[in-house]
C-alpha atoms as a PDB file:
ATOM      1  CA  MET A   1     155.973  71.050   1.674  1.00  0.00           C
ATOM      2  CA  MET A   2     154.524  69.822  -0.960  1.00  0.00           C
ATOM      3  CA  ILE A   3     156.286  70.618  -4.201  1.00  0.00           C
ATOM      4  CA  ALA A   4     155.575  73.366  -6.249  1.00  0.00           C
ATOM      5  CA  SER A   5     154.363  72.664  -9.953  1.00  0.00           C
ATOM      6  CA  ALA A   6     155.920  74.484 -12.778  1.00  0.00           C
ATOM      7  CA  PRO A   7     154.312  75.696 -16.244  1.00  0.00           C
ATOM      8  CA  SER A   8     154.710  73.262 -19.110  1.00  0.00           C
ATOM      9  CA  SER A   9     153.234  72.675 -22.414  1.00  0.00           C
ATOM     10  CA  ARG A  10     152.954  68.612 -22.294  1.00  0.00           C
ATOM     11  CA  PRO A  11     149.336  67.303 -21.551  1.00  0.00           C
ATOM     12  CA  ARG A  12     149.231  66.336 -18.024  1.00  0.00           C
ATOM     13  CA  LEU A  13     149.958  62.735 -16.856  1.00  0.00           C
ATOM     14  CA  LYS A  14     146.645  60.527 -16.007  1.00  0.00           C
ATOM     15  CA  VAL A  15     147.300  58.874 -12.732  1.00  0.00           C
ATOM     16  CA  ALA A  16     145.322  56.397 -11.255  1.00  0.00           C
ATOM     17  CA  VAL A  17     145.466  55.540  -7.085  1.00  0.00           C
ATOM     18  CA  THR A  18     143.817  52.512  -6.040  1.00  0.00           C
ATOM     19  CA  ARG A  19     142.945  53.200  -2.367  1.00  0.00           C
ATOM     20  CA  ARG A  20     142.207  56.377  -0.344  1.00  0.00           C
ATOM     21  CA  LEU A  21     145.246  58.923   1.069  1.00  0.00           C
ATOM     22  CA  PRO A  22     145.365  61.718   2.571  1.00  0.00           C
ATOM     23  CA  GLU A  23     143.311  64.789   1.827  1.00  0.00           C
ATOM     24  CA  ALA A  24     145.853  66.751   1.731  1.00  0.00           C
ATOM     25  CA  VAL A  25     147.940  64.481  -0.888  1.00  0.00           C
ATOM     26  CA  GLU A  26     144.683  63.666  -3.159  1.00  0.00           C
ATOM     27  CA  THR A  27     144.358  67.912  -3.368  1.00  0.00           C
ATOM     28  CA  ARG A  28     148.019  67.842  -4.337  1.00  0.00           C
ATOM     29  CA  MET A  29     147.487  65.243  -6.740  1.00  0.00           C
ATOM     30  CA  LYS A  30     144.755  67.151  -8.401  1.00  0.00           C
ATOM     31  CA  GLU A  31     146.737  69.982  -9.000  1.00  0.00           C
ATOM     32  CA  LEU A  32     149.156  68.070 -10.412  1.00  0.00           C
ATOM     33  CA  PHE A  33     147.919  65.520 -12.541  1.00  0.00           C
ATOM     34  CA  ASP A  34     145.077  64.228 -14.260  1.00  0.00           C
ATOM     35  CA  VAL A  35     144.188  62.019 -11.264  1.00  0.00           C
ATOM     36  CA  SER A  36     141.721  59.288 -10.719  1.00  0.00           C
ATOM     37  CA  LEU A  37     140.811  59.264  -7.301  1.00  0.00           C
ATOM     38  CA  ARG A  38     138.705  56.328  -5.398  1.00  0.00           C
ATOM     39  CA  PRO A  39     135.397  57.582  -3.998  1.00  0.00           C
ATOM     40  CA  ASP A  40     135.754  55.379  -1.151  1.00  0.00           C
ATOM     41  CA  ASP A  41     138.646  53.263   0.489  1.00  0.00           C
ATOM     42  CA  SER A  42     137.849  50.021  -0.665  1.00  0.00           C
ATOM     43  CA  ARG A  43     140.311  47.375  -2.374  1.00  0.00           C
ATOM     44  CA  MET A  44     140.490  47.177  -6.183  1.00  0.00           C
ATOM     45  CA  SER A  45     139.648  43.933  -7.670  1.00  0.00           C
ATOM     46  CA  ARG A  46     141.645  42.453  -9.903  1.00  0.00           C
ATOM     47  CA  ASP A  47     139.929  43.460 -13.273  1.00  0.00           C
ATOM     48  CA  GLU A  48     139.798  47.213 -11.720  1.00  0.00           C
ATOM     49  CA  LEU A  49     143.771  47.128 -11.358  1.00  0.00           C
ATOM     50  CA  VAL A  50     143.901  45.827 -15.129  1.00  0.00           C
ATOM     51  CA  ALA A  51     141.258  48.421 -16.510  1.00  0.00           C
ATOM     52  CA  ALA A  52     143.441  51.725 -14.336  1.00  0.00           C
ATOM     53  CA  MET A  53     146.820  50.497 -15.606  1.00  0.00           C
ATOM     54  CA  ARG A  54     145.125  50.261 -19.458  1.00  0.00           C
ATOM     55  CA  ASP A  55     143.588  53.763 -18.967  1.00  0.00           C
ATOM     56  CA  SER A  56     146.265  55.606 -17.040  1.00  0.00           C
ATOM     57  CA  ASP A  57     150.041  56.695 -17.819  1.00  0.00           C
ATOM     58  CA  VAL A  58     151.090  56.312 -13.414  1.00  0.00           C
ATOM     59  CA  LEU A  59     149.213  53.587 -11.469  1.00  0.00           C
ATOM     60  CA  VAL A  60     149.666  54.924  -7.146  1.00  0.00           C
ATOM     61  CA  PRO A  61     148.893  51.035  -5.666  1.00  0.00           C
ATOM     62  CA  THR A  62     149.521  50.497  -2.148  1.00  0.00           C
ATOM     63  CA  ILE A  63     150.337  47.100  -0.171  1.00  0.00           C
ATOM     64  CA  THR A  64     146.915  45.508  -0.817  1.00  0.00           C
ATOM     65  CA  ASP A  65     147.575  45.430  -4.465  1.00  0.00           C
ATOM     66  CA  ARG A  66     149.106  42.142  -5.953  1.00  0.00           C
ATOM     67  CA  ILE A  67     150.134  43.189  -8.918  1.00  0.00           C
ATOM     68  CA  ASP A  68     151.599  40.270 -10.945  1.00  0.00           C
ATOM     69  CA  ALA A  69     153.179  39.235 -14.331  1.00  0.00           C
ATOM     70  CA  ASN A  70     150.117  38.347 -16.013  1.00  0.00           C
ATOM     71  CA  MET A  71     148.364  41.757 -14.868  1.00  0.00           C
ATOM     72  CA  LEU A  72     150.771  43.486 -16.682  1.00  0.00           C
ATOM     73  CA  ALA A  73     150.655  41.708 -19.813  1.00  0.00           C
ATOM     74  CA  GLN A  74     146.665  42.270 -19.506  1.00  0.00           C
ATOM     75  CA  GLY A  75     147.819  46.358 -19.039  1.00  0.00           C
ATOM     76  CA  GLY A  76     148.405  47.624 -22.417  1.00  0.00           C
ATOM     77  CA  GLU A  77     150.943  49.490 -23.398  1.00  0.00           C
ATOM     78  CA  ARG A  78     150.021  52.885 -21.849  1.00  0.00           C
ATOM     79  CA  LEU A  79     151.172  52.472 -18.457  1.00  0.00           C
ATOM     80  CA  LYS A  80     154.855  53.760 -17.805  1.00  0.00           C
ATOM     81  CA  LEU A  81     155.145  54.312 -14.018  1.00  0.00           C
ATOM     82  CA  ILE A  82     154.118  52.092 -10.942  1.00  0.00           C
ATOM     83  CA  ALA A  83     154.301  55.039  -8.127  1.00  0.00           C
ATOM     84  CA  ASN A  84     153.631  53.011  -5.012  1.00  0.00           C
ATOM     85  CA  TYR A  85     152.578  54.103  -2.085  1.00  0.00           C
ATOM     86  CA  GLY A  86     154.979  52.458   0.490  1.00  0.00           C
ATOM     87  CA  ALA A  87     158.167  51.260   0.605  1.00  0.00           C
ATOM     88  CA  GLY A  88     157.745  47.368   0.587  1.00  0.00           C
ATOM     89  CA  VAL A  89     157.108  46.154  -3.512  1.00  0.00           C
ATOM     90  CA  ASP A  90     157.097  42.481  -2.553  1.00  0.00           C
ATOM     91  CA  HIS A  91     153.743  43.054  -3.926  1.00  0.00           C
ATOM     92  CA  ILE A  92     154.439  43.999  -7.087  1.00  0.00           C
ATOM     93  CA  ASP A  93     156.247  42.060 -10.232  1.00  0.00           C
ATOM     94  CA  VAL A  94     159.255  44.430 -10.463  1.00  0.00           C
ATOM     95  CA  ALA A  95     161.187  42.162 -13.352  1.00  0.00           C
ATOM     96  CA  SER A  96     157.882  41.822 -15.472  1.00  0.00           C
ATOM     97  CA  ALA A  97     157.270  45.074 -15.133  1.00  0.00           C
ATOM     98  CA  ARG A  98     161.014  46.572 -15.933  1.00  0.00           C
ATOM     99  CA  GLN A  99     160.801  44.105 -18.934  1.00  0.00           C
ATOM    100  CA  ARG A 100     157.426  46.234 -20.097  1.00  0.00           C
ATOM    101  CA  GLY A 101     159.115  49.173 -19.945  1.00  0.00           C
ATOM    102  CA  VAL A 102     157.306  50.017 -16.833  1.00  0.00           C
ATOM    103  CA  LEU A 103     159.002  51.758 -14.116  1.00  0.00           C
ATOM    104  CA  VAL A 104     158.525  51.158 -10.578  1.00  0.00           C
ATOM    105  CA  SER A 105     159.023  53.970  -7.369  1.00  0.00           C
ATOM    106  CA  ASN A 106     158.431  53.541  -4.063  1.00  0.00           C
ATOM    107  CA  THR A 107     158.713  55.799  -0.556  1.00  0.00           C
ATOM    108  CA  PRO A 108     161.797  54.881   1.375  1.00  0.00           C
ATOM    109  CA  GLY A 109     163.238  56.051   4.831  1.00  0.00           C
ATOM    110  CA  VAL A 110     159.769  57.866   5.767  1.00  0.00           C
ATOM    111  CA  VAL A 111     158.021  55.340   7.985  1.00  0.00           C
ATOM    112  CA  THR A 112     161.577  54.602   9.628  1.00  0.00           C
ATOM    113  CA  GLU A 113     161.149  56.339  12.561  1.00  0.00           C
ATOM    114  CA  ASP A 114     156.999  55.382  13.096  1.00  0.00           C
ATOM    115  CA  THR A 115     157.784  51.451  12.711  1.00  0.00           C
ATOM    116  CA  ALA A 116     160.582  51.549  15.037  1.00  0.00           C
ATOM    117  CA  ASP A 117     158.339  53.277  17.397  1.00  0.00           C
ATOM    118  CA  MET A 118     155.491  50.550  17.350  1.00  0.00           C
ATOM    119  CA  THR A 119     158.697  47.637  17.386  1.00  0.00           C
ATOM    120  CA  MET A 120     159.156  48.867  20.760  1.00  0.00           C
ATOM    121  CA  ALA A 121     155.629  49.831  21.878  1.00  0.00           C
ATOM    122  CA  LEU A 122     154.808  45.725  20.791  1.00  0.00           C
ATOM    123  CA  ILE A 123     157.541  44.760  23.060  1.00  0.00           C
ATOM    124  CA  LEU A 124     156.491  46.787  26.013  1.00  0.00           C
ATOM    125  CA  ALA A 125     153.008  45.374  25.417  1.00  0.00           C
ATOM    126  CA  VAL A 126     153.826  42.081  25.641  1.00  0.00           C
ATOM    127  CA  THR A 127     156.738  42.043  28.127  1.00  0.00           C
ATOM    128  CA  ARG A 128     154.830  43.978  30.590  1.00  0.00           C
ATOM    129  CA  ARG A 129     151.037  42.433  29.794  1.00  0.00           C
ATOM    130  CA  ILE A 130     149.613  45.707  28.778  1.00  0.00           C
ATOM    131  CA  PRO A 131     146.795  44.463  27.160  1.00  0.00           C
ATOM    132  CA  GLU A 132     145.738  42.279  30.106  1.00  0.00           C
ATOM    133  CA  GLY A 133     145.412  45.312  32.284  1.00  0.00           C
ATOM    134  CA  LEU A 134     143.498  47.254  30.014  1.00  0.00           C
ATOM    135  CA  ALA A 135     141.182  44.781  29.145  1.00  0.00           C
ATOM    136  CA  GLU A 136     140.582  43.974  32.640  1.00  0.00           C
ATOM    137  CA  MET A 137     140.183  48.102  33.436  1.00  0.00           C
ATOM    138  CA  GLN A 138     137.896  48.005  30.810  1.00  0.00           C
ATOM    139  CA  ALA A 139     135.394  45.132  32.155  1.00  0.00           C
ATOM    140  CA  GLY A 140     135.632  46.418  35.487  1.00  0.00           C
ATOM    141  CA  ARG A 141     137.285  43.505  37.034  1.00  0.00           C
ATOM    142  CA  TRP A 142     140.113  45.298  39.105  1.00  0.00           C
ATOM    143  CA  LYS A 143     140.452  44.745  42.654  1.00  0.00           C
ATOM    144  CA  GLY A 144     142.787  47.029  43.349  1.00  0.00           C
ATOM    145  CA  TRP A 145     146.510  46.690  43.990  1.00  0.00           C
ATOM    146  CA  SER A 146     148.329  43.058  45.164  1.00  0.00           C
ATOM    147  CA  PRO A 147     151.785  43.031  45.184  1.00  0.00           C
ATOM    148  CA  VAL A 148     151.688  39.495  43.103  1.00  0.00           C
ATOM    149  CA  SER A 149     149.412  40.898  40.417  1.00  0.00           C
ATOM    150  CA  HIS A 150     150.249  41.668  36.791  1.00  0.00           C
ATOM    151  CA  LEU A 151     153.475  40.632  36.830  1.00  0.00           C
ATOM    152  CA  GLY A 152     155.518  41.205  34.169  1.00  0.00           C
ATOM    153  CA  GLY A 153     159.650  40.940  32.930  1.00  0.00           C
ATOM    154  CA  ARG A 154     161.872  43.995  32.942  1.00  0.00           C
ATOM    155  CA  VAL A 155     163.175  44.975  29.808  1.00  0.00           C
ATOM    156  CA  GLY A 156     166.390  46.597  30.845  1.00  0.00           C
ATOM    157  CA  GLY A 157     169.453  44.063  30.623  1.00  0.00           C
ATOM    158  CA  ARG A 158     167.576  41.864  28.023  1.00  0.00           C
ATOM    159  CA  ARG A 159     169.116  40.253  25.140  1.00  0.00           C
ATOM    160  CA  LEU A 160     167.199  41.657  21.641  1.00  0.00           C
ATOM    161  CA  GLY A 161     168.110  39.885  18.876  1.00  0.00           C
ATOM    162  CA  ILE A 162     167.160  41.846  15.749  1.00  0.00           C
ATOM    163  CA  LEU A 163     166.442  39.996  12.730  1.00  0.00           C
ATOM    164  CA  GLY A 164     167.156  42.480   9.668  1.00  0.00           C
ATOM    165  CA  MET A 165     169.560  45.555  10.260  1.00  0.00           C
ATOM    166  CA  GLY A 166     168.335  47.907   7.737  1.00  0.00           C
ATOM    167  CA  ARG A 167     167.056  51.579   8.594  1.00  0.00           C
ATOM    168  CA  ILE A 168     164.315  50.388  10.772  1.00  0.00           C
ATOM    169  CA  GLY A 169     166.193  47.349  12.603  1.00  0.00           C
ATOM    170  CA  GLN A 170     168.655  50.070  13.329  1.00  0.00           C
ATOM    171  CA  ALA A 171     166.199  52.620  14.574  1.00  0.00           C
ATOM    172  CA  VAL A 172     164.896  49.728  16.865  1.00  0.00           C
ATOM    173  CA  ALA A 173     168.760  49.518  17.619  1.00  0.00           C
ATOM    174  CA  ARG A 174     168.861  53.123  19.193  1.00  0.00           C
ATOM    175  CA  ARG A 175     165.552  52.845  20.980  1.00  0.00           C
ATOM    176  CA  ALA A 176     166.442  49.338  22.768  1.00  0.00           C
ATOM    177  CA  ASN A 177     169.815  51.075  24.017  1.00  0.00           C
ATOM    178  CA  ALA A 178     167.801  53.827  25.651  1.00  0.00           C
ATOM    179  CA  PHE A 179     165.896  51.022  27.287  1.00  0.00           C
ATOM    180  CA  GLY A 180     169.028  49.665  28.453  1.00  0.00           C
ATOM    181  CA  MET A 181     168.660  46.094  26.406  1.00  0.00           C
ATOM    182  CA  GLN A 182     171.654  44.616  24.941  1.00  0.00           C
ATOM    183  CA  VAL A 183     171.340  44.415  21.121  1.00  0.00           C
ATOM    184  CA  HIS A 184     172.322  41.739  19.049  1.00  0.00           C
ATOM    185  CA  TYR A 185     171.592  41.571  15.305  1.00  0.00           C
ATOM    186  CA  HIS A 186     171.885  39.016  12.072  1.00  0.00           C
ATOM    187  CA  ASN A 187     171.650  40.629   8.871  1.00  0.00           C
ATOM    188  CA  ARG A 188     172.398  39.364   5.244  1.00  0.00           C
ATOM    189  CA  LYS A 189     175.329  41.784   5.199  1.00  0.00           C
ATOM    190  CA  ARG A 190     177.601  42.711   8.535  1.00  0.00           C
ATOM    191  CA  LEU A 191     177.436  46.340   9.114  1.00  0.00           C
ATOM    192  CA  ARG A 192     180.480  48.459   9.272  1.00  0.00           C
ATOM    193  CA  SER A 193     182.298  48.276  12.458  1.00  0.00           C
ATOM    194  CA  GLU A 194     182.040  52.296  13.474  1.00  0.00           C
ATOM    195  CA  THR A 195     178.117  51.842  13.151  1.00  0.00           C
ATOM    196  CA  GLU A 196     178.216  48.562  15.189  1.00  0.00           C
ATOM    197  CA  ALA A 197     179.863  50.673  18.000  1.00  0.00           C
ATOM    198  CA  GLU A 198     177.741  53.428  17.381  1.00  0.00           C
ATOM    199  CA  LEU A 199     174.400  50.952  18.062  1.00  0.00           C
ATOM    200  CA  GLN A 200     176.204  48.877  20.988  1.00  0.00           C
ATOM    201  CA  ALA A 201     175.271  45.848  18.206  1.00  0.00           C
ATOM    202  CA  THR A 202     177.020  42.210  18.414  1.00  0.00           C
ATOM    203  CA  TYR A 203     176.855  40.378  14.871  1.00  0.00           C
ATOM    204  CA  TRP A 204     175.776  36.867  14.569  1.00  0.00           C
ATOM    205  CA  GLU A 205     176.871  35.725  11.242  1.00  0.00           C
ATOM    206  CA  SER A 206     174.633  32.522  12.263  1.00  0.00           C
ATOM    207  CA  LEU A 207     171.216  32.830  12.512  1.00  0.00           C
ATOM    208  CA  ASP A 208     170.201  29.667  14.422  1.00  0.00           C
ATOM    209  CA  GLN A 209     172.879  30.212  17.410  1.00  0.00           C
ATOM    210  CA  MET A 210     171.293  34.448  18.073  1.00  0.00           C
ATOM    211  CA  LEU A 211     167.917  32.599  18.254  1.00  0.00           C
ATOM    212  CA  ALA A 212     168.590  30.468  20.380  1.00  0.00           C
ATOM    213  CA  ARG A 213     170.332  33.141  22.723  1.00  0.00           C
ATOM    214  CA  MET A 214     167.990  36.103  22.496  1.00  0.00           C
ATOM    215  CA  ASP A 215     165.098  37.017  25.230  1.00  0.00           C
ATOM    216  CA  ILE A 216     163.493  38.699  22.499  1.00  0.00           C
ATOM    217  CA  ILE A 217     163.289  38.954  18.736  1.00  0.00           C
ATOM    218  CA  SER A 218     162.377  41.733  16.604  1.00  0.00           C
ATOM    219  CA  ILE A 219     161.479  40.761  12.747  1.00  0.00           C
ATOM    220  CA  ASN A 220     162.713  43.690  11.071  1.00  0.00           C
ATOM    221  CA  ALA A 221     163.551  41.927   7.628  1.00  0.00           C
ATOM    222  CA  PRO A 222     161.552  42.622   3.972  1.00  0.00           C
ATOM    223  CA  HIS A 223     159.884  39.736   2.451  1.00  0.00           C
ATOM    224  CA  THR A 224     161.715  38.046  -0.253  1.00  0.00           C
ATOM    225  CA  PRO A 225     161.917  34.575  -1.703  1.00  0.00           C
ATOM    226  CA  SER A 226     164.938  33.971   0.811  1.00  0.00           C
ATOM    227  CA  THR A 227     162.900  35.322   3.848  1.00  0.00           C
ATOM    228  CA  PHE A 228     159.760  33.536   3.379  1.00  0.00           C
ATOM    229  CA  HIS A 229     159.455  31.445   6.459  1.00  0.00           C
ATOM    230  CA  LEU A 230     163.005  32.465   7.731  1.00  0.00           C
ATOM    231  CA  LEU A 231     161.551  31.280  10.775  1.00  0.00           C
ATOM    232  CA  ASN A 232     160.022  28.318   9.969  1.00  0.00           C
ATOM    233  CA  ALA A 233     159.077  25.582  12.953  1.00  0.00           C
ATOM    234  CA  ARG A 234     162.723  24.390  13.163  1.00  0.00           C
ATOM    235  CA  ARG A 235     163.821  27.906  13.656  1.00  0.00           C
ATOM    236  CA  LEU A 236     161.323  28.656  16.490  1.00  0.00           C
ATOM    237  CA  LYS A 237     161.868  25.113  18.209  1.00  0.00           C
ATOM    238  CA  LEU A 238     165.708  27.403  18.604  1.00  0.00           C
ATOM    239  CA  LEU A 239     163.777  29.961  21.333  1.00  0.00           C
ATOM    240  CA  LYS A 240     163.879  29.693  24.755  1.00  0.00           C
ATOM    241  CA  PRO A 241     160.545  29.302  26.595  1.00  0.00           C
ATOM    242  CA  SER A 242     160.847  32.736  28.307  1.00  0.00           C
ATOM    243  CA  ALA A 243     161.208  34.222  24.457  1.00  0.00           C
ATOM    244  CA  VAL A 244     159.242  37.033  23.241  1.00  0.00           C
ATOM    245  CA  ILE A 245     159.070  37.284  19.716  1.00  0.00           C
ATOM    246  CA  VAL A 246     157.899  40.792  18.041  1.00  0.00           C
ATOM    247  CA  ASN A 247     157.134  41.423  13.901  1.00  0.00           C
ATOM    248  CA  THR A 248     156.243  44.803  12.302  1.00  0.00           C
ATOM    249  CA  SER A 249     157.917  43.817   8.866  1.00  0.00           C
ATOM    250  CA  ARG A 250     156.405  41.269   6.869  1.00  0.00           C
ATOM    251  CA  GLY A 251     154.202  38.716   7.992  1.00  0.00           C
ATOM    252  CA  GLU A 252     155.679  35.933   5.764  1.00  0.00           C
ATOM    253  CA  VAL A 253     158.815  35.578   7.495  1.00  0.00           C
ATOM    254  CA  ILE A 254     157.185  33.679  10.201  1.00  0.00           C
ATOM    255  CA  ASP A 255     155.766  30.447   9.772  1.00  0.00           C
ATOM    256  CA  GLU A 256     152.732  31.307  11.260  1.00  0.00           C
ATOM    257  CA  ASN A 257     151.266  28.018  11.933  1.00  0.00           C
ATOM    258  CA  ALA A 258     153.930  26.942  13.711  1.00  0.00           C
ATOM    259  CA  LEU A 259     154.329  30.273  15.536  1.00  0.00           C
ATOM    260  CA  THR A 260     150.641  29.547  16.459  1.00  0.00           C
ATOM    261  CA  ARG A 261     151.400  25.945  17.946  1.00  0.00           C
ATOM    262  CA  MET A 262     154.205  26.808  20.065  1.00  0.00           C
ATOM    263  CA  LEU A 263     152.549  29.777  21.642  1.00  0.00           C
ATOM    264  CA  ARG A 264     149.777  27.443  22.578  1.00  0.00           C
ATOM    265  CA  ALA A 265     152.058  24.652  23.919  1.00  0.00           C
ATOM    266  CA  GLY A 266     153.565  27.229  26.097  1.00  0.00           C
ATOM    267  CA  GLU A 267     156.928  27.221  23.925  1.00  0.00           C
ATOM    268  CA  ILE A 268     157.484  30.805  23.374  1.00  0.00           C
ATOM    269  CA  ALA A 269     156.302  33.000  26.025  1.00  0.00           C
ATOM    270  CA  GLY A 270     154.900  35.782  23.505  1.00  0.00           C
ATOM    271  CA  ALA A 271     154.281  37.715  20.438  1.00  0.00           C
ATOM    272  CA  GLY A 272     153.378  41.239  19.232  1.00  0.00           C
ATOM    273  CA  LEU A 273     152.458  41.059  15.699  1.00  0.00           C
ATOM    274  CA  ASP A 274     151.494  43.743  13.769  1.00  0.00           C
ATOM    275  CA  VAL A 275     151.452  41.867  10.090  1.00  0.00           C
ATOM    276  CA  PHE A 276     150.592  38.435   9.347  1.00  0.00           C
ATOM    277  CA  GLU A 277     151.328  35.887   6.550  1.00  0.00           C
ATOM    278  CA  HIS A 278     148.239  35.965   5.331  1.00  0.00           C
ATOM    279  CA  GLY A 279     147.663  39.933   5.536  1.00  0.00           C
ATOM    280  CA  HIS A 280     144.101  40.096   7.171  1.00  0.00           C
ATOM    281  CA  GLU A 281     142.925  36.687   7.432  1.00  0.00           C
ATOM    282  CA  ILE A 282     144.534  36.017  11.049  1.00  0.00           C
ATOM    283  CA  ASN A 283     144.957  32.608  12.419  1.00  0.00           C
ATOM    284  CA  PRO A 284     141.643  32.647  14.800  1.00  0.00           C
ATOM    285  CA  ARG A 285     144.081  30.720  17.183  1.00  0.00           C
ATOM    286  CA  LEU A 286     146.193  33.662  17.498  1.00  0.00           C
ATOM    287  CA  ARG A 287     143.014  35.905  19.247  1.00  0.00           C
ATOM    288  CA  GLU A 288     142.691  33.549  21.736  1.00  0.00           C
ATOM    289  CA  LEU A 289     145.805  33.845  23.372  1.00  0.00           C
ATOM    290  CA  PRO A 290     146.362  36.257  26.326  1.00  0.00           C
ATOM    291  CA  ASN A 291     150.193  36.656  25.842  1.00  0.00           C
ATOM    292  CA  VAL A 292     149.831  37.701  22.363  1.00  0.00           C
ATOM    293  CA  VAL A 293     149.084  41.603  21.211  1.00  0.00           C
ATOM    294  CA  LEU A 294     147.791  41.321  17.794  1.00  0.00           C
ATOM    295  CA  LEU A 295     147.539  44.826  15.927  1.00  0.00           C
ATOM    296  CA  PRO A 296     145.877  45.578  12.238  1.00  0.00           C
ATOM    297  CA  HIS A 297     149.177  46.902  10.352  1.00  0.00           C
ATOM    298  CA  MET A 298     149.809  50.024  12.137  1.00  0.00           C
ATOM    299  CA  GLY A 299     153.470  50.397  12.309  1.00  0.00           C
ATOM    300  CA  SER A 300     153.685  53.560   9.956  1.00  0.00           C
ATOM    301  CA  ALA A 301     150.155  54.941  10.829  1.00  0.00           C
ATOM    302  CA  THR A 302     150.743  58.133  11.706  1.00  0.00           C
ATOM    303  CA  VAL A 303     149.532  61.578  10.252  1.00  0.00           C
ATOM    304  CA  GLU A 304     153.204  62.529   9.923  1.00  0.00           C
ATOM    305  CA  GLY A 305     154.273  59.853   8.035  1.00  0.00           C
ATOM    306  CA  ARG A 306     151.423  58.806   5.594  1.00  0.00           C
ATOM    307  CA  ALA A 307     151.831  62.527   4.309  1.00  0.00           C
ATOM    308  CA  GLU A 308     155.436  62.417   3.987  1.00  0.00           C
ATOM    309  CA  MET A 309     154.471  59.450   1.890  1.00  0.00           C
ATOM    310  CA  GLY A 310     152.476  61.212  -0.075  1.00  0.00           C
ATOM    311  CA  GLU A 311     154.719  63.673  -0.716  1.00  0.00           C
ATOM    312  CA  LYS A 312     157.572  60.884  -1.822  1.00  0.00           C
ATOM    313  CA  VAL A 313     154.917  59.458  -4.299  1.00  0.00           C
ATOM    314  CA  ILE A 314     154.250  63.200  -5.905  1.00  0.00           C
ATOM    315  CA  ILE A 315     158.146  63.531  -6.357  1.00  0.00           C
ATOM    316  CA  ASN A 316     158.384  60.584  -8.025  1.00  0.00           C
ATOM    317  CA  ILE A 317     155.787  61.045 -10.373  1.00  0.00           C
ATOM    318  CA  LYS A 318     156.393  64.829 -11.019  1.00  0.00           C
ATOM    319  CA  THR A 319     160.159  64.188 -11.683  1.00  0.00           C
ATOM    320  CA  PHE A 320     159.188  61.254 -14.558  1.00  0.00           C
ATOM    321  CA  ALA A 321     156.499  63.525 -16.042  1.00  0.00           C
ATOM    322  CA  ASP A 322     159.563  65.916 -16.174  1.00  0.00           C
ATOM    323  CA  GLY A 323     161.235  63.415 -18.092  1.00  0.00           C
ATOM    324  CA  HIS A 324     164.219  62.259 -15.360  1.00  0.00           C
ATOM    325  CA  ARG A 325     164.384  59.311 -13.275  1.00  0.00           C
ATOM    326  CA  PRO A 326     162.313  59.012 -10.397  1.00  0.00           C
ATOM    327  CA  PRO A 327     164.681  59.500  -7.172  1.00  0.00           C
ATOM    328  CA  ASP A 328     163.083  56.499  -5.263  1.00  0.00           C
ATOM    329  CA  LEU A 329     163.723  54.011  -8.652  1.00  0.00           C
ATOM    330  CA  VAL A 330     163.511  50.354  -7.545  1.00  0.00           C
ATOM    331  CA  VAL A 331     166.128  48.406  -9.401  1.00  0.00           C
ATOM    332  CA  PRO A 332     165.259  44.358  -9.966  1.00  0.00           C
ATOM    333  CA  GLY A 333     167.558  42.542  -7.787  1.00  0.00           C
ATOM    334  CA  MET A 334     168.869  45.249  -5.423  1.00  0.00           C
ATOM    335  CA  MET A 335     165.421  45.001  -3.175  1.00  0.00           C
END
C-alpha cells in the first residue's frame, strides 16, 4: 500500500519526474507533493534535465537520464534529493551529487525476483531455441513434427556460472537448482558457507577458470569502473564453443563487439541479452543471428515491480521531506 500523508505546515516539496510512471504512482505523488509530470514518455534532453534540477527540490530520474558533474553544477542550489526510480545508479555521478549536498536514493530489492525470472526465461529461450520455433510458426512454415528438427539442449545437469552473487544472482541460483542445474559463481566477496550450502553453489576465486568450465554464464553484476568490459575479448575466448551467455544486468559488462564477432564465428553457441553496451543502440549484426535472443530491457517489466519501485521512491521522498535520512540512501563508495 502507498504510505499515508500526514498534516504538515511545511510547504510541499517541488518534485520533477523525468519519465511517465505507473498511473497509481503519479496519482499518489500529486497527492503528496507539488509534482511536475511528463506529458508523454519521451526522454528529457540534457537542457531539460538541468532546468528541472534548477526548479525542483527533488528530481526523480530513471536509467535513461545520465546526470554528470557538469549538469549538477549547472543545476543550481535548490535541488536536495535525487530519488532514482530504479536500483542501478551508474547513470548518476553520486560522488559529485554528495559534494554539492544532494542526496541520492534508489529502489533496491524490488526487481530481484522479476529479473531472475527473466534470466531463466532467456536461458530456456536460447538453449531450447524457442524464438526460432516461434518465428517458424508465425510465418506458417511448420510442416509437422520430426524427430530431428528443432533440437535444443537440456538445461538439467548443465553447469551455470553466475557472475555477481548479490540479490539477483542468488535468486537465479535458487531457480537453477529447481531446474537441476549445477550452480557455480564468481563474486567480489565469497558468500558465507551457510548461504553457499543453501544455494548449493560452488565458489570460484578465479573468474577465468570458472568461465572456461561453464556451460551457461549468467551476468548479474552492476556496471562499475571495475566491471566495465569485465568479459572482454580475452575472457570471452575462454568460453567453450558450446557455451551460452545471458545478460540481464548491465550491457557494459560485456565487450559487445567481441561477443558479436565470436557468435558470428560460432565460437560461442548462443546468447540471451536484455541489456546492451550502448543502450538502445544495438549492434545490428546481433539482430541477424538465429542463436541470439534480444529483449528490450524487460527484466524488471512487471506491473507489480514497477508499482513497488514507485512506492519506494515515494517513501524516500516523504522520509526526506519529514527531515529524516531516506531509507534507500546511496552512499558513494558503497555501491
